[in-house]
């Protein structure tokens, strides 16, 4: 296991992955894997360095790196290279060879035996693998999750039957042929290139309503001020608010003021309470200030 992931990957084909629980043991013969080269690989979880999530990848080789993805699935990897250097092989698929009845109870939606562990998430579901097994020593015979080498002639793959190609569902480095599988094995998952998830198109528009008012000043004493302020501004702050407008007027005159989404107030003196003037809407226009998708 202390070698680069692209070298370890093909050698894992035909090996047996066993998971022992209180309900019994389920074992699969690995038929498909995928190699990731750590910080040198833009598709690897370790590409941007060590985190709490991928810390096991920087540990000793031969241990399990288990991660949670898409908010619902677990995937299991075999850590490669000496401690301090991240590298791992994703176990993508396998053929159940022991504990099929238990695997079916865990995967009731599987239509046939080949679908029980066909894909990385299905494999973990059939073997009941979750984050509690992150860091498990796969080389320890007493481990609840362990790897056994291919010993029976039927499980030792012919190197000529090992095929390789681009990795599944990765956005960066997808062209690197580090996915390895047993040619003709029915449990190998279908190849799907990366496709960005389509989100519903949502257009957010900020609409500005420009109100043009005529203020009737015939019943308002001279010397007062007319203050216009953005919506939500209190009367006492109307004249000082950002974006406020104000003007003086004389008794009996009329005032036209254009204000975007605000209100007009008549500001009184210290002995006169502030009260709104008599407003009459004379025009209404709308314009899109900004839109984003």
Protein backbone atom coordinates (compact mmCIF):
# COMPACT_ATOMS: atom_id res chain seq x y z
CA UNK A 1 0.00 0.00 0.00
CA UNK A 2 2.97 2.30 0.40
CA UNK A 3 3.11 3.07 -3.32
CA UNK A 4 1.43 5.74 -5.45
CA UNK A 5 -2.31 5.29 -5.84
CA UNK A 6 -2.17 4.69 -9.65
CA UNK A 7 0.07 1.69 -8.97
CA UNK A 8 -1.96 0.33 -6.04
CA UNK A 9 -5.30 0.68 -7.82
CA UNK A 10 -4.99 -2.14 -10.37
CA UNK A 11 -3.58 -4.46 -7.70
CA UNK A 12 -6.72 -4.03 -5.58
CA UNK A 13 -8.91 -5.55 -8.30
CA UNK A 14 -9.85 -9.06 -7.26
CA UNK A 15 -9.12 -8.41 -3.58
CA UNK A 16 -11.86 -9.13 -1.06
CA UNK A 17 -13.27 -6.37 1.14
CA UNK A 18 -14.95 -7.76 4.27
CA UNK A 19 -17.21 -5.95 6.73
CA UNK A 20 -18.04 -7.67 10.02
CA UNK A 21 -20.94 -6.48 12.18
CA UNK A 22 -23.20 -7.94 14.84
CA UNK A 23 -25.59 -8.96 12.08
CA UNK A 24 -22.98 -10.94 10.18
CA UNK A 25 -20.28 -10.51 7.56
CA UNK A 26 -20.59 -9.24 4.02
CA UNK A 27 -17.71 -9.63 1.56
CA UNK A 28 -17.23 -8.28 -1.95
CA UNK A 29 -14.61 -8.96 -4.62
CA UNK A 30 -13.48 -5.56 -5.87
CA UNK A 31 -14.13 -5.01 -9.55
CA UNK A 32 -13.64 -1.26 -9.97
CA UNK A 33 -11.41 1.35 -8.30
CA UNK A 34 -10.25 4.91 -8.91
CA UNK A 35 -6.90 6.47 -7.98
CA UNK A 36 -6.31 9.98 -6.61
CA UNK A 37 -2.85 11.52 -6.19
CA UNK A 38 -3.39 13.91 -3.30
CA UNK A 39 -2.10 17.48 -3.46
CA UNK A 40 -0.87 17.03 -7.04
CA UNK A 41 -4.32 15.98 -8.24
CA UNK A 42 -7.02 18.67 -8.68
CA UNK A 43 -9.72 15.99 -8.35
CA UNK A 44 -8.45 14.81 -4.96
CA UNK A 45 -9.87 15.86 -1.60
CA UNK A 46 -6.30 16.66 -0.55
CA UNK A 47 -5.62 19.04 -3.45
CA UNK A 48 -5.84 22.11 -1.21
CA UNK A 49 -4.02 20.56 1.70
CA UNK A 50 -4.84 18.83 4.93
CA UNK A 51 -8.19 19.37 6.66
CA UNK A 52 -10.13 17.73 9.46
CA UNK A 53 -12.09 15.81 6.84
CA UNK A 54 -9.19 14.34 4.86
CA UNK A 55 -6.68 13.92 7.69
CA UNK A 56 -6.66 10.12 7.38
CA UNK A 57 -5.25 10.46 3.85
CA UNK A 58 -2.05 11.83 5.41
CA UNK A 59 -1.73 8.90 7.78
CA UNK A 60 -0.25 5.42 7.38
CA UNK A 61 -1.08 3.44 4.23
CA UNK A 62 -3.55 0.58 4.28
CA UNK A 63 -6.14 2.49 6.33
CA UNK A 64 -9.67 3.42 5.30
CA UNK A 65 -10.56 6.97 4.40
CA UNK A 66 -14.35 7.27 4.61
CA UNK A 67 -16.15 10.46 3.64
CA UNK A 68 -19.75 11.65 3.43
CA UNK A 69 -20.97 13.15 0.18
CA UNK A 70 -24.11 14.75 -1.28
CA UNK A 71 -25.62 14.81 2.19
CA UNK A 72 -26.65 11.15 1.96
CA UNK A 73 -23.86 8.75 0.86
CA UNK A 74 -20.60 7.34 2.21
CA UNK A 75 -17.58 6.36 0.11
CA UNK A 76 -14.53 4.37 1.20
CA UNK A 77 -10.92 4.70 0.03
CA UNK A 78 -7.67 2.86 0.68
CA UNK A 79 -4.87 5.21 1.81
CA UNK A 80 -1.56 4.88 -0.06
CA UNK A 81 2.01 6.23 0.32
CA UNK A 82 3.91 6.77 3.60
CA UNK A 83 2.52 9.05 6.33
CA UNK A 84 2.62 12.74 5.53
CA UNK A 85 1.78 12.36 1.84
CA UNK A 86 -1.87 12.14 0.81
CA UNK A 87 -2.91 9.56 -1.77
CA UNK A 88 -5.84 7.15 -1.93
CA UNK A 89 -7.79 4.71 -4.06
CA UNK A 90 -11.57 4.96 -4.13
CA UNK A 91 -13.32 1.57 -4.03
CA UNK A 92 -16.04 1.98 -6.64
CA UNK A 93 -17.69 -1.41 -7.06
CA UNK A 94 -17.57 -5.11 -6.28
CA UNK A 95 -19.37 -8.43 -6.52
CA UNK A 96 -20.92 -9.70 -3.28
CA UNK A 97 -19.50 -13.17 -2.55
CA UNK A 98 -20.59 -13.60 1.08
CA UNK A 99 -23.52 -12.34 3.11
CA UNK A 100 -25.75 -11.63 0.11
CA UNK A 101 -28.94 -11.95 2.16
CA UNK A 102 -27.71 -9.34 4.65
CA UNK A 103 -26.59 -7.07 1.80
CA UNK A 104 -30.05 -7.33 0.25
CA UNK A 105 -31.67 -6.26 3.52
CA UNK A 106 -29.47 -3.19 3.50
CA UNK A 107 -30.09 -2.58 -0.20
CA UNK A 108 -33.74 -3.56 -0.78
CA UNK A 109 -33.89 -1.42 -3.92
CA UNK A 110 -31.26 -3.53 -5.68
CA UNK A 111 -32.89 -5.36 -8.54
CA UNK A 112 -30.22 -8.04 -9.00
CA UNK A 113 -27.10 -9.35 -7.32
CA UNK A 114 -24.83 -7.31 -9.59
CA UNK A 115 -26.43 -4.08 -8.33
CA UNK A 116 -25.84 -4.74 -4.63
CA UNK A 117 -22.41 -3.06 -4.61
CA UNK A 118 -22.33 -1.49 -8.09
CA UNK A 119 -21.07 2.01 -7.36
CA UNK A 120 -19.16 3.54 -4.42
CA UNK A 121 -22.23 4.60 -2.43
CA UNK A 122 -23.99 1.27 -2.98
CA UNK A 123 -20.87 -0.60 -1.93
CA UNK A 124 -20.78 1.27 1.38
CA UNK A 125 -24.49 0.74 1.89
CA UNK A 126 -24.28 -3.01 1.27
CA UNK A 127 -21.32 -3.33 3.67
CA UNK A 128 -22.70 -0.86 6.27
CA UNK A 129 -19.69 1.46 6.00
CA UNK A 130 -19.92 4.92 7.54
CA UNK A 131 -17.67 7.55 9.12
CA UNK A 132 -17.17 5.47 12.26
CA UNK A 133 -14.81 3.34 10.14
CA UNK A 134 -12.74 6.33 9.00
CA UNK A 135 -9.13 5.40 9.82
CA UNK A 136 -9.79 1.65 10.23
CA UNK A 137 -6.75 -0.54 9.56
CA UNK A 138 -7.71 -2.56 6.50
CA UNK A 139 -4.65 -4.81 6.89
CA UNK A 140 -5.53 -5.93 10.43
CA UNK A 141 -7.32 -9.33 10.35
CA UNK A 142 -9.23 -8.32 13.51
CA UNK A 143 -10.50 -5.06 12.02
CA UNK A 144 -14.27 -4.79 11.42
CA UNK A 145 -13.37 -3.63 7.90
CA UNK A 146 -10.52 -5.49 6.26
CA UNK A 147 -8.95 -6.34 2.91
CA UNK A 148 -7.88 -9.82 1.93
CA UNK A 149 -5.66 -10.48 -1.08
CA UNK A 150 -7.02 -12.40 -4.04
CA UNK A 151 -6.00 -16.00 -3.36
CA UNK A 152 -8.47 -18.20 -5.17
CA UNK A 153 -7.72 -18.61 -8.84
CA UNK A 154 -11.23 -17.43 -9.67
CA UNK A 155 -10.63 -14.08 -7.98
CA UNK A 156 -7.16 -13.35 -9.37
CA UNK A 157 -7.73 -11.13 -12.43
CA UNK A 158 -5.78 -11.62 -15.62
CA UNK A 159 -3.81 -8.38 -16.17
CA UNK A 160 -5.01 -8.44 -19.75
CA UNK A 161 -8.58 -8.06 -18.48
CA UNK A 162 -7.85 -4.90 -16.48
CA UNK A 163 -9.03 -1.86 -18.34
CA UNK A 164 -8.54 1.83 -17.53
CA UNK A 165 -10.15 5.11 -18.46
CA UNK A 166 -11.22 8.55 -17.26
CA UNK A 167 -12.53 8.97 -13.73
CA UNK A 168 -16.23 9.32 -13.03
CA UNK A 169 -17.95 12.59 -12.19
CA UNK A 170 -14.89 14.76 -11.50
CA UNK A 171 -14.71 18.30 -12.82
CA UNK A 172 -10.92 18.72 -12.80
CA UNK A 173 -8.48 16.09 -14.05
CA UNK A 174 -11.28 14.01 -15.53
CA UNK A 175 -9.16 13.05 -18.53
CA UNK A 176 -6.59 11.22 -16.37
CA UNK A 177 -7.10 7.45 -16.97
CA UNK A 178 -6.90 6.42 -13.31
CA UNK A 179 -10.13 4.50 -13.15
CA UNK A 180 -9.44 0.76 -13.30
CA UNK A 181 -11.94 -2.05 -13.72
CA UNK A 182 -12.27 -5.70 -14.71
CA UNK A 183 -13.39 -5.80 -18.29
CA UNK A 184 -16.65 -7.70 -18.71
CA UNK A 185 -17.45 -7.80 -14.99
CA UNK A 186 -21.19 -7.02 -14.61
CA UNK A 187 -20.77 -5.30 -11.22
CA UNK A 188 -18.69 -2.46 -12.75
CA UNK A 189 -20.61 0.81 -12.57
CA UNK A 190 -21.62 2.79 -15.64
CA UNK A 191 -19.29 5.58 -16.70
CA UNK A 192 -20.74 9.05 -16.28
CA UNK A 193 -18.70 12.16 -17.11
CA UNK A 194 -18.92 15.21 -14.91
CA UNK A 195 -22.05 17.27 -15.48
CA UNK A 196 -22.61 20.46 -13.49
CA UNK A 197 -25.76 20.35 -11.44
CA UNK A 198 -28.39 22.54 -13.02
CA UNK A 199 -30.10 24.92 -10.68
CA UNK A 200 -33.41 26.57 -11.45
CA UNK A 201 -32.89 29.94 -13.08
CA UNK A 202 -33.76 32.67 -10.62
CA UNK A 203 -33.75 36.32 -11.61
CA UNK A 204 -33.64 38.84 -8.81
CA UNK A 205 -34.55 42.37 -9.80
CA UNK A 206 -34.36 45.44 -7.66
CA UNK A 207 -37.18 47.70 -8.72
CA UNK A 208 -37.07 51.40 -7.96
CA UNK A 209 -40.42 53.17 -7.88
CA UNK A 210 -39.98 56.83 -8.66
CA UNK A 211 -42.88 58.82 -7.26
CA UNK A 212 -43.46 62.39 -8.35
CA UNK A 213 -45.52 64.32 -5.83
CA UNK A 214 -47.14 67.74 -5.76
CA UNK A 215 -47.24 69.19 -2.25
CA UNK A 216 -50.17 71.48 -1.46
CA UNK A 217 -48.71 74.28 0.66
CA UNK A 218 -51.69 76.62 0.82
CA UNK A 219 -52.42 75.75 4.46
CA UNK A 220 -48.84 75.59 5.67
CA UNK A 221 -47.09 78.61 7.21
CA UNK A 222 -44.07 80.12 5.51
CA UNK A 223 -40.62 79.32 6.83
CA UNK A 224 -41.14 75.61 7.16
CA UNK A 225 -38.97 73.11 5.33
CA UNK A 226 -40.08 70.23 3.12
CA UNK A 227 -37.96 67.13 3.67
CA UNK A 228 -37.94 64.02 1.53
CA UNK A 229 -36.22 60.89 2.81
CA UNK A 230 -35.80 57.22 1.77
CA UNK A 231 -38.45 54.78 2.86
CA UNK A 232 -38.13 53.67 6.46
CA UNK A 233 -36.60 56.92 7.69
CA UNK A 234 -38.28 58.45 10.74
CA UNK A 235 -39.66 61.94 10.64
CA UNK A 236 -37.04 63.40 12.96
CA UNK A 237 -34.22 62.06 10.78
CA UNK A 238 -35.85 62.96 7.48
CA UNK A 239 -33.75 66.02 6.77
CA UNK A 240 -30.46 64.39 7.80
CA UNK A 241 -30.86 60.91 6.30
CA UNK A 242 -28.58 59.82 3.41
CA UNK A 243 -30.31 60.58 0.14
CA UNK A 244 -32.68 63.10 1.73
CA UNK A 245 -33.85 66.16 -0.14
CA UNK A 246 -35.13 69.35 1.39
CA UNK A 247 -36.21 72.73 0.18
CA UNK A 248 -37.72 75.94 1.59
CA UNK A 249 -41.03 77.33 0.39
CA UNK A 250 -43.36 80.29 0.76
CA UNK A 251 -47.01 80.30 1.82
CA UNK A 252 -49.41 79.57 -0.99
CA UNK A 253 -46.81 78.11 -3.37
CA UNK A 254 -46.67 74.63 -4.84
CA UNK A 255 -43.68 72.28 -4.87
CA UNK A 256 -42.88 69.39 -7.19
CA UNK A 257 -40.36 66.89 -5.81
CA UNK A 258 -39.05 63.64 -7.28
CA UNK A 259 -38.17 61.01 -4.70
CA UNK A 260 -37.21 57.35 -5.17
CA UNK A 261 -39.16 55.06 -2.88
CA UNK A 262 -39.52 57.53 -0.01
CA UNK A 263 -41.83 59.92 1.77
CA UNK A 264 -42.26 63.69 2.02
CA UNK A 265 -42.67 65.43 5.34
CA UNK A 266 -43.27 69.00 6.44
CA UNK A 267 -40.77 69.83 9.16
CA UNK A 268 -42.15 72.12 11.87
CA UNK A 269 -40.45 74.42 14.30
CA UNK A 270 -39.72 73.69 17.96
CA UNK A 271 -43.25 74.66 19.01
CA UNK A 272 -45.02 72.97 16.12
CA UNK A 273 -45.29 69.18 15.87
CA UNK A 274 -44.10 67.66 12.64
CA UNK A 275 -46.90 66.47 10.43
CA UNK A 276 -47.13 65.19 6.88
CA UNK A 277 -48.14 67.60 4.20
CA UNK A 278 -51.07 66.99 1.91
CA UNK A 279 -49.66 64.87 -0.89
CA UNK A 280 -51.15 64.17 -4.24
CA UNK A 281 -49.63 61.58 -6.56
CA UNK A 282 -49.13 63.03 -10.02
CA UNK A 283 -46.98 60.37 -11.67
CA UNK A 284 -45.56 56.89 -11.23
CA UNK A 285 -42.67 55.34 -13.11
CA UNK A 286 -40.68 52.14 -12.57
CA UNK A 287 -37.16 51.41 -13.66
CA UNK A 288 -34.87 48.41 -13.11
CA UNK A 289 -31.78 49.53 -11.26
CA UNK A 290 -29.95 46.22 -11.22
CA UNK A 291 -30.60 42.58 -11.97
CA UNK A 292 -28.60 39.47 -11.26
CA UNK A 293 -28.98 35.77 -12.07
